[in-house]
C-alpha atoms as a PDB file:
ATOM      1  CA  UNK A   1     -21.671  62.026  27.454  1.00  0.00           C
ATOM      2  CA  UNK A   2     -24.754  60.263  26.349  1.00  0.00           C
ATOM      3  CA  UNK A   3     -25.496  56.227  25.774  1.00  0.00           C
ATOM      4  CA  UNK A   4     -27.568  54.895  23.495  1.00  0.00           C
ATOM      5  CA  UNK A   5     -29.922  51.814  24.221  1.00  0.00           C
ATOM      6  CA  UNK A   6     -32.449  50.160  22.165  1.00  0.00           C
ATOM      7  CA  UNK A   7     -36.144  49.169  23.095  1.00  0.00           C
ATOM      8  CA  UNK A   8     -36.864  45.838  24.006  1.00  0.00           C
ATOM      9  CA  UNK A   9     -40.811  44.283  23.897  1.00  0.00           C
ATOM     10  CA  UNK A  10     -41.794  42.654  26.782  1.00  0.00           C
ATOM     11  CA  UNK A  11     -40.862  39.243  25.238  1.00  0.00           C
ATOM     12  CA  UNK A  12     -37.349  40.750  24.227  1.00  0.00           C
ATOM     13  CA  UNK A  13     -37.615  41.842  20.892  1.00  0.00           C
ATOM     14  CA  UNK A  14     -35.465  45.163  19.628  1.00  0.00           C
ATOM     15  CA  UNK A  15     -37.452  46.130  16.189  1.00  0.00           C
ATOM     16  CA  UNK A  16     -34.541  48.749  16.059  1.00  0.00           C
ATOM     17  CA  UNK A  17     -32.068  46.218  16.209  1.00  0.00           C
ATOM     18  CA  UNK A  18     -34.252  44.441  13.308  1.00  0.00           C
ATOM     19  CA  UNK A  19     -34.399  47.373  11.387  1.00  0.00           C
ATOM     20  CA  UNK A  20     -30.424  47.673  11.598  1.00  0.00           C
ATOM     21  CA  UNK A  21     -29.921  44.135  10.703  1.00  0.00           C
ATOM     22  CA  UNK A  22     -31.354  45.249   7.593  1.00  0.00           C
ATOM     23  CA  UNK A  23     -29.047  47.506   6.135  1.00  0.00           C
ATOM     24  CA  UNK A  24     -26.243  47.050   3.900  1.00  0.00           C
ATOM     25  CA  UNK A  25     -23.032  47.763   5.455  1.00  0.00           C
ATOM     26  CA  UNK A  26     -21.771  51.044   4.415  1.00  0.00           C
ATOM     27  CA  UNK A  27     -25.358  52.410   5.930  1.00  0.00           C
ATOM     28  CA  UNK A  28     -24.746  50.671   8.700  1.00  0.00           C
ATOM     29  CA  UNK A  29     -21.196  52.476   8.695  1.00  0.00           C
ATOM     30  CA  UNK A  30     -23.089  55.585   7.971  1.00  0.00           C
ATOM     31  CA  UNK A  31     -25.744  54.881  11.021  1.00  0.00           C
ATOM     32  CA  UNK A  32     -22.914  54.318  13.535  1.00  0.00           C
ATOM     33  CA  UNK A  33     -21.331  57.206  12.731  1.00  0.00           C
ATOM     34  CA  UNK A  34     -23.957  59.510  13.690  1.00  0.00           C
ATOM     35  CA  UNK A  35     -24.396  57.622  16.941  1.00  0.00           C
ATOM     36  CA  UNK A  36     -21.145  58.348  17.810  1.00  0.00           C
ATOM     37  CA  UNK A  37     -22.316  62.073  17.347  1.00  0.00           C
ATOM     38  CA  UNK A  38     -24.993  61.703  19.488  1.00  0.00           C
ATOM     39  CA  UNK A  39     -22.878  59.974  22.168  1.00  0.00           C
ATOM     40  CA  UNK A  40     -19.873  62.303  22.339  1.00  0.00           C
ATOM     41  CA  UNK A  41     -21.103  65.269  21.047  1.00  0.00           C
ATOM     42  CA  UNK A  42     -22.324  67.991  23.706  1.00  0.00           C
ATOM     43  CA  UNK A  43     -24.433  69.844  21.063  1.00  0.00           C
ATOM     44  CA  UNK A  44     -25.618  67.551  18.049  1.00  0.00           C
ATOM     45  CA  UNK A  45     -26.156  69.348  14.722  1.00  0.00           C
ATOM     46  CA  UNK A  46     -30.237  69.400  14.033  1.00  0.00           C
ATOM     47  CA  UNK A  47     -29.193  67.187  10.794  1.00  0.00           C
ATOM     48  CA  UNK A  48     -28.537  64.807  12.879  1.00  0.00           C
ATOM     49  CA  UNK A  49     -30.445  64.856  15.717  1.00  0.00           C
ATOM     50  CA  UNK A  50     -33.697  67.084  16.991  1.00  0.00           C
ATOM     51  CA  UNK A  51     -36.715  67.195  18.958  1.00  0.00           C
ATOM     52  CA  UNK A  52     -39.959  66.526  16.822  1.00  0.00           C
ATOM     53  CA  UNK A  53     -42.330  69.518  18.053  1.00  0.00           C
ATOM     54  CA  UNK A  54     -46.195  68.199  18.903  1.00  0.00           C
ATOM     55  CA  UNK A  55     -45.207  64.853  20.263  1.00  0.00           C
ATOM     56  CA  UNK A  56     -44.351  63.359  24.223  1.00  0.00           C
ATOM     57  CA  UNK A  57     -40.829  64.278  23.971  1.00  0.00           C
ATOM     58  CA  UNK A  58     -39.787  62.228  20.948  1.00  0.00           C
ATOM     59  CA  UNK A  59     -36.380  62.800  19.659  1.00  0.00           C
ATOM     60  CA  UNK A  60     -35.627  61.539  15.462  1.00  0.00           C
ATOM     61  CA  UNK A  61     -32.185  60.697  14.477  1.00  0.00           C
ATOM     62  CA  UNK A  62     -31.465  61.791  11.148  1.00  0.00           C
ATOM     63  CA  UNK A  63     -29.336  59.469   8.992  1.00  0.00           C
ATOM     64  CA  UNK A  64     -28.626  60.109   4.733  1.00  0.00           C
ATOM     65  CA  UNK A  65     -26.704  58.450   2.667  1.00  0.00           C
ATOM     66  CA  UNK A  66     -26.819  58.699  -0.846  1.00  0.00           C
ATOM     67  CA  UNK A  67     -30.614  58.785  -1.871  1.00  0.00           C
ATOM     68  CA  UNK A  68     -31.744  56.851   1.317  1.00  0.00           C
ATOM     69  CA  UNK A  69     -32.966  58.671   4.712  1.00  0.00           C
ATOM     70  CA  UNK A  70     -33.606  56.455   7.668  1.00  0.00           C
ATOM     71  CA  UNK A  71     -34.991  57.613  10.726  1.00  0.00           C
ATOM     72  CA  UNK A  72     -34.619  56.017  13.729  1.00  0.00           C
ATOM     73  CA  UNK A  73     -37.186  57.455  16.833  1.00  0.00           C
ATOM     74  CA  UNK A  74     -36.029  58.104  20.555  1.00  0.00           C
ATOM     75  CA  UNK A  75     -36.560  59.524  23.927  1.00  0.00           C
ATOM     76  CA  UNK A  76     -34.610  60.027  27.117  1.00  0.00           C
ATOM     77  CA  UNK A  77     -34.536  58.539  30.234  1.00  0.00           C
ATOM     78  CA  UNK A  78     -32.663  60.496  32.211  1.00  0.00           C
ATOM     79  CA  UNK A  79     -30.520  63.427  30.992  1.00  0.00           C
ATOM     80  CA  UNK A  80     -27.791  61.225  29.327  1.00  0.00           C
ATOM     81  CA  UNK A  81     -29.967  57.673  28.130  1.00  0.00           C
ATOM     82  CA  UNK A  82     -31.131  58.138  24.684  1.00  0.00           C
ATOM     83  CA  UNK A  83     -33.448  55.337  24.140  1.00  0.00           C
ATOM     84  CA  UNK A  84     -33.917  54.642  20.463  1.00  0.00           C
ATOM     85  CA  UNK A  85     -37.494  52.424  19.941  1.00  0.00           C
ATOM     86  CA  UNK A  86     -38.453  52.967  15.918  1.00  0.00           C
ATOM     87  CA  UNK A  87     -36.945  52.913  12.913  1.00  0.00           C
ATOM     88  CA  UNK A  88     -37.606  53.436   9.295  1.00  0.00           C
ATOM     89  CA  UNK A  89     -36.275  54.287   5.797  1.00  0.00           C
ATOM     90  CA  UNK A  90     -38.182  57.930   5.411  1.00  0.00           C
ATOM     91  CA  UNK A  91     -40.004  58.209   1.765  1.00  0.00           C
ATOM     92  CA  UNK A  92     -42.081  61.377   2.567  1.00  0.00           C
ATOM     93  CA  UNK A  93     -41.368  64.734   3.577  1.00  0.00           C
ATOM     94  CA  UNK A  94     -43.158  64.609   6.822  1.00  0.00           C
ATOM     95  CA  UNK A  95     -42.808  61.746   9.274  1.00  0.00           C
ATOM     96  CA  UNK A  96     -46.560  59.973   9.269  1.00  0.00           C
ATOM     97  CA  UNK A  97     -48.842  60.678  12.887  1.00  0.00           C
ATOM     98  CA  UNK A  98     -48.190  56.691  12.967  1.00  0.00           C
ATOM     99  CA  UNK A  99     -44.742  56.310  13.268  1.00  0.00           C
ATOM    100  CA  UNK A 100     -45.258  58.905  15.743  1.00  0.00           C
ATOM    101  CA  UNK A 101     -47.602  57.116  18.079  1.00  0.00           C
ATOM    102  CA  UNK A 102     -45.904  54.006  17.817  1.00  0.00           C
ATOM    103  CA  UNK A 103     -42.751  55.664  19.289  1.00  0.00           C
ATOM    104  CA  UNK A 104     -45.254  57.018  21.890  1.00  0.00           C
ATOM    105  CA  UNK A 105     -46.516  53.888  22.662  1.00  0.00           C
ATOM    106  CA  UNK A 106     -43.616  52.216  22.931  1.00  0.00           C
ATOM    107  CA  UNK A 107     -41.755  54.822  25.196  1.00  0.00           C
ATOM    108  CA  UNK A 108     -44.871  54.765  27.978  1.00  0.00           C
ATOM    109  CA  UNK A 109     -44.142  50.463  27.139  1.00  0.00           C
ATOM    110  CA  UNK A 110     -40.704  51.319  28.611  1.00  0.00           C
ATOM    111  CA  UNK A 111     -41.326  53.265  31.641  1.00  0.00           C
ATOM    112  CA  UNK A 112     -44.436  51.222  32.414  1.00  0.00           C
ATOM    113  CA  UNK A 113     -42.161  48.153  32.508  1.00  0.00           C
ATOM    114  CA  UNK A 114     -39.237  49.926  34.427  1.00  0.00           C
ATOM    115  CA  UNK A 115     -41.605  51.440  37.079  1.00  0.00           C
ATOM    116  CA  UNK A 116     -42.837  47.722  37.710  1.00  0.00           C
ATOM    117  CA  UNK A 117     -39.174  46.366  38.273  1.00  0.00           C
END
């Protein structure tokens, strides 16, 4: 149904892949499980994937395992491609404005470079 992709900077660096590499095996397994839900289910429960209100169409992938909570910010490129572009361990109730701005900046960069191809 959907496909997940990772944003890369102009130099080829993938901030989300770097973040995922820092997780424990158990945490990585849970993140992979949530990715499969996003790719395979037509309707994804909001506890795992939801649009962030007041943003430039940024979506939040939500992963909780024990006391750890992770957020991966993303956007759509067309109806089926979800591009993950920012990830962090969540430590407060709200996502910081700076995290949202970074995700929006990376989204603009992605489409600017895509359109230049």
